[in-house]
Amino acid sequence: MDMAIKEAEIDVTCVDYINAHGTSTPYNDKIETTAIKRLLRSTPIR
């Protein structure tokens, strides 16, 4: 996700929707949620 944002030459604050993979498996959901939180950790809530 970070690479896509950099390639698009936008700021992470421009992201207003993420379509998660959502396999509903505990392991994958935890990893996916962690990745999204890391990406957005410094983004103010709008």
PDB file of N, CA and C in Angstrom:
ATOM      1  N   MET A   1       0.818  -1.164   0.000  1.00  0.00           N
ATOM      2  CA  MET A   1       0.000   0.000   0.000  1.00  0.00           C
ATOM      3  C   MET A   1       0.874   1.245   0.000  1.00  0.00           C
ATOM      4  N   ASP A   2       1.907   1.201   0.798  1.00  0.00           N
ATOM      5  CA  ASP A   2       2.826   2.349   0.857  1.00  0.00           C
ATOM      6  C   ASP A   2       3.472   2.588  -0.496  1.00  0.00           C
ATOM      7  N   MET A   3       3.876   1.530  -1.151  1.00  0.00           N
ATOM      8  CA  MET A   3       4.496   1.668  -2.471  1.00  0.00           C
ATOM      9  C   MET A   3       3.493   2.239  -3.480  1.00  0.00           C
ATOM     10  N   ALA A   4       2.242   1.812  -3.404  1.00  0.00           N
ATOM     11  CA  ALA A   4       1.218   2.316  -4.325  1.00  0.00           C
ATOM     12  C   ALA A   4       0.983   3.806  -4.106  1.00  0.00           C
ATOM     13  N   ILE A   5       0.970   4.222  -2.841  1.00  0.00           N
ATOM     14  CA  ILE A   5       0.783   5.644  -2.532  1.00  0.00           C
ATOM     15  C   ILE A   5       1.952   6.467  -3.062  1.00  0.00           C
ATOM     16  N   LYS A   6       3.157   5.952  -2.868  1.00  0.00           N
ATOM     17  CA  LYS A   6       4.333   6.661  -3.374  1.00  0.00           C
ATOM     18  C   LYS A   6       4.340   6.716  -4.897  1.00  0.00           C
ATOM     19  N   GLU A   7       3.974   5.609  -5.541  1.00  0.00           N
ATOM     20  CA  GLU A   7       3.943   5.574  -7.000  1.00  0.00           C
ATOM     21  C   GLU A   7       2.895   6.536  -7.559  1.00  0.00           C
ATOM     22  N   ALA A   8       1.776   6.667  -6.844  1.00  0.00           N
ATOM     23  CA  ALA A   8       0.722   7.581  -7.281  1.00  0.00           C
ATOM     24  C   ALA A   8       1.067   9.037  -6.980  1.00  0.00           C
ATOM     25  N   GLU A   9       2.142   9.223  -6.222  1.00  0.00           N
ATOM     26  CA  GLU A   9       2.599  10.557  -5.832  1.00  0.00           C
ATOM     27  C   GLU A   9       1.500  11.342  -5.112  1.00  0.00           C
ATOM     28  N   ILE A  10       0.852  10.646  -4.159  1.00  0.00           N
ATOM     29  CA  ILE A  10      -0.156  11.285  -3.318  1.00  0.00           C
ATOM     30  C   ILE A  10       0.255  11.140  -1.860  1.00  0.00           C
ATOM     31  N   ASP A  11      -0.402  11.895  -1.006  1.00  0.00           N
ATOM     32  CA  ASP A  11      -0.162  11.789   0.421  1.00  0.00           C
ATOM     33  C   ASP A  11      -1.143  10.764   0.993  1.00  0.00           C
ATOM     34  N   VAL A  12      -0.718  10.077   2.030  1.00  0.00           N
ATOM     35  CA  VAL A  12      -1.573   9.063   2.646  1.00  0.00           C
ATOM     36  C   VAL A  12      -2.897   9.659   3.128  1.00  0.00           C
ATOM     37  N   THR A  13      -2.914  10.938   3.406  1.00  0.00           N
ATOM     38  CA  THR A  13      -4.161  11.579   3.843  1.00  0.00           C
ATOM     39  C   THR A  13      -5.196  11.649   2.720  1.00  0.00           C
ATOM     40  N   CYS A  14      -4.791  11.395   1.497  1.00  0.00           N
ATOM     41  CA  CYS A  14      -5.722  11.371   0.371  1.00  0.00           C
ATOM     42  C   CYS A  14      -6.509  10.063   0.306  1.00  0.00           C
ATOM     43  N   VAL A  15      -6.051   9.058   1.015  1.00  0.00           N
ATOM     44  CA  VAL A  15      -6.724   7.755   1.020  1.00  0.00           C
ATOM     45  C   VAL A  15      -7.965   7.864   1.894  1.00  0.00           C
ATOM     46  N   ASP A  16      -9.126   7.598   1.289  1.00  0.00           N
ATOM     47  CA  ASP A  16     -10.358   7.654   2.075  1.00  0.00           C
ATOM     48  C   ASP A  16     -11.134   6.339   2.030  1.00  0.00           C
ATOM     49  N   TYR A  17     -10.589   5.332   1.351  1.00  0.00           N
ATOM     50  CA  TYR A  17     -11.247   4.027   1.279  1.00  0.00           C
ATOM     51  C   TYR A  17     -10.193   2.958   1.055  1.00  0.00           C
ATOM     52  N   ILE A  18     -10.290   1.881   1.828  1.00  0.00           N
ATOM     53  CA  ILE A  18      -9.426   0.717   1.630  1.00  0.00           C
ATOM     54  C   ILE A  18     -10.327  -0.497   1.528  1.00  0.00           C
ATOM     55  N   ASN A  19     -10.202  -1.238   0.444  1.00  0.00           N
ATOM     56  CA  ASN A  19     -10.965  -2.458   0.263  1.00  0.00           C
ATOM     57  C   ASN A  19     -10.079  -3.622   0.717  1.00  0.00           C
ATOM     58  N   ALA A  20     -10.271  -4.047   1.958  1.00  0.00           N
ATOM     59  CA  ALA A  20      -9.446  -5.105   2.532  1.00  0.00           C
ATOM     60  C   ALA A  20      -9.788  -6.453   1.897  1.00  0.00           C
ATOM     61  N   HIS A  21      -8.816  -7.351   1.914  1.00  0.00           N
ATOM     62  CA  HIS A  21      -8.977  -8.674   1.335  1.00  0.00           C
ATOM     63  C   HIS A  21     -10.015  -9.482   2.105  1.00  0.00           C
ATOM     64  N   GLY A  22      -9.962  -9.426   3.427  1.00  0.00           N
ATOM     65  CA  GLY A  22     -10.996  -9.997   4.291  1.00  0.00           C
ATOM     66  C   GLY A  22     -11.283 -11.470   4.129  1.00  0.00           C
ATOM     67  N   THR A  23     -10.289 -12.315   4.355  1.00  0.00           N
ATOM     68  CA  THR A  23     -10.507 -13.755   4.235  1.00  0.00           C
ATOM     69  C   THR A  23     -11.225 -14.350   5.442  1.00  0.00           C
ATOM     70  N   SER A  24     -11.361 -13.558   6.488  1.00  0.00           N
ATOM     71  CA  SER A  24     -12.000 -14.008   7.735  1.00  0.00           C
ATOM     72  C   SER A  24     -11.244 -15.155   8.404  1.00  0.00           C
ATOM     73  N   THR A  25      -9.936 -15.155   8.226  1.00  0.00           N
ATOM     74  CA  THR A  25      -9.102 -16.093   8.979  1.00  0.00           C
ATOM     75  C   THR A  25      -8.347 -15.275  10.014  1.00  0.00           C
ATOM     76  N   PRO A  26      -8.288 -15.758  11.258  1.00  0.00           N
ATOM     77  CA  PRO A  26      -7.660 -14.971  12.320  1.00  0.00           C
ATOM     78  C   PRO A  26      -6.246 -14.494  11.976  1.00  0.00           C
ATOM     79  N   TYR A  27      -5.425 -15.354  11.416  1.00  0.00           N
ATOM     80  CA  TYR A  27      -4.041 -14.985  11.105  1.00  0.00           C
ATOM     81  C   TYR A  27      -3.995 -13.884  10.053  1.00  0.00           C
ATOM     82  N   ASN A  28      -4.677 -14.097   8.929  1.00  0.00           N
ATOM     83  CA  ASN A  28      -4.629 -13.119   7.840  1.00  0.00           C
ATOM     84  C   ASN A  28      -5.259 -11.794   8.252  1.00  0.00           C
ATOM     85  N   ASP A  29      -6.392 -11.855   8.927  1.00  0.00           N
ATOM     86  CA  ASP A  29      -7.060 -10.621   9.330  1.00  0.00           C
ATOM     87  C   ASP A  29      -6.182  -9.794  10.264  1.00  0.00           C
ATOM     88  N   LYS A  30      -5.452 -10.457  11.153  1.00  0.00           N
ATOM     89  CA  LYS A  30      -4.562  -9.747  12.077  1.00  0.00           C
ATOM     90  C   LYS A  30      -3.441  -9.050  11.312  1.00  0.00           C
ATOM     91  N   ILE A  31      -2.831  -9.760  10.388  1.00  0.00           N
ATOM     92  CA  ILE A  31      -1.722  -9.199   9.600  1.00  0.00           C
ATOM     93  C   ILE A  31      -2.224  -8.041   8.729  1.00  0.00           C
ATOM     94  N   GLU A  32      -3.364  -8.243   8.094  1.00  0.00           N
ATOM     95  CA  GLU A  32      -3.911  -7.205   7.224  1.00  0.00           C
ATOM     96  C   GLU A  32      -4.282  -5.953   8.022  1.00  0.00           C
ATOM     97  N   THR A  33      -4.914  -6.146   9.162  1.00  0.00           N
ATOM     98  CA  THR A  33      -5.287  -5.016  10.014  1.00  0.00           C
ATOM     99  C   THR A  33      -4.053  -4.276  10.506  1.00  0.00           C
ATOM    100  N   THR A  34      -3.025  -5.011  10.884  1.00  0.00           N
ATOM    101  CA  THR A  34      -1.780  -4.392  11.340  1.00  0.00           C
ATOM    102  C   THR A  34      -1.156  -3.555  10.225  1.00  0.00           C
ATOM    103  N   ALA A  35      -1.158  -4.072   9.012  1.00  0.00           N
ATOM    104  CA  ALA A  35      -0.580  -3.333   7.882  1.00  0.00           C
ATOM    105  C   ALA A  35      -1.347  -2.039   7.621  1.00  0.00           C
ATOM    106  N   ILE A  36      -2.660  -2.099   7.677  1.00  0.00           N
ATOM    107  CA  ILE A  36      -3.471  -0.899   7.454  1.00  0.00           C
ATOM    108  C   ILE A  36      -3.237   0.118   8.564  1.00  0.00           C
ATOM    109  N   LYS A  37      -3.190  -0.345   9.804  1.00  0.00           N
ATOM    110  CA  LYS A  37      -2.947   0.565  10.927  1.00  0.00           C
ATOM    111  C   LYS A  37      -1.575   1.227  10.819  1.00  0.00           C
ATOM    112  N   ARG A  38      -0.567   0.472  10.414  1.00  0.00           N
ATOM    113  CA  ARG A  38       0.773   1.048  10.250  1.00  0.00           C
ATOM    114  C   ARG A  38       0.779   2.104   9.153  1.00  0.00           C
ATOM    115  N   LEU A  39       0.074   1.838   8.080  1.00  0.00           N
ATOM    116  CA  LEU A  39       0.006   2.796   6.983  1.00  0.00           C
ATOM    117  C   LEU A  39      -0.659   4.094   7.424  1.00  0.00           C
ATOM    118  N   LEU A  40      -1.700   3.973   8.224  1.00  0.00           N
ATOM    119  CA  LEU A  40      -2.506   5.136   8.591  1.00  0.00           C
ATOM    120  C   LEU A  40      -2.176   5.703   9.971  1.00  0.00           C
ATOM    121  N   ARG A  41      -1.172   5.180  10.639  1.00  0.00           N
ATOM    122  CA  ARG A  41      -0.916   5.555  12.051  1.00  0.00           C
ATOM    123  C   ARG A  41      -0.722   7.046  12.286  1.00  0.00           C
ATOM    124  N   SER A  42      -0.218   7.763  11.322  1.00  0.00           N
ATOM    125  CA  SER A  42       0.005   9.192  11.533  1.00  0.00           C
ATOM    126  C   SER A  42      -1.005  10.057  10.796  1.00  0.00           C
ATOM    127  N   THR A  43      -2.046   9.417  10.280  1.00  0.00           N
ATOM    128  CA  THR A  43      -3.050  10.145   9.519  1.00  0.00           C
ATOM    129  C   THR A  43      -4.162  10.632  10.452  1.00  0.00           C
ATOM    130  N   PRO A  44      -4.449  11.918  10.463  1.00  0.00           N
ATOM    131  CA  PRO A  44      -5.535  12.410  11.315  1.00  0.00           C
ATOM    132  C   PRO A  44      -6.884  11.899  10.855  1.00  0.00           C
ATOM    133  N   ILE A  45      -7.770  11.662  11.777  1.00  0.00           N
ATOM    134  CA  ILE A  45      -9.126  11.207  11.446  1.00  0.00           C
ATOM    135  C   ILE A  45      -9.907  12.386  10.903  1.00  0.00           C
ATOM    136  N   ARG A  46     -10.564  12.164   9.783  1.00  0.00           N
ATOM    137  CA  ARG A  46     -11.352  13.234   9.154  1.00  0.00           C
ATOM    138  C   ARG A  46     -12.799  13.097   9.497  1.00  0.00           C
TER     139      ARG A  46
END
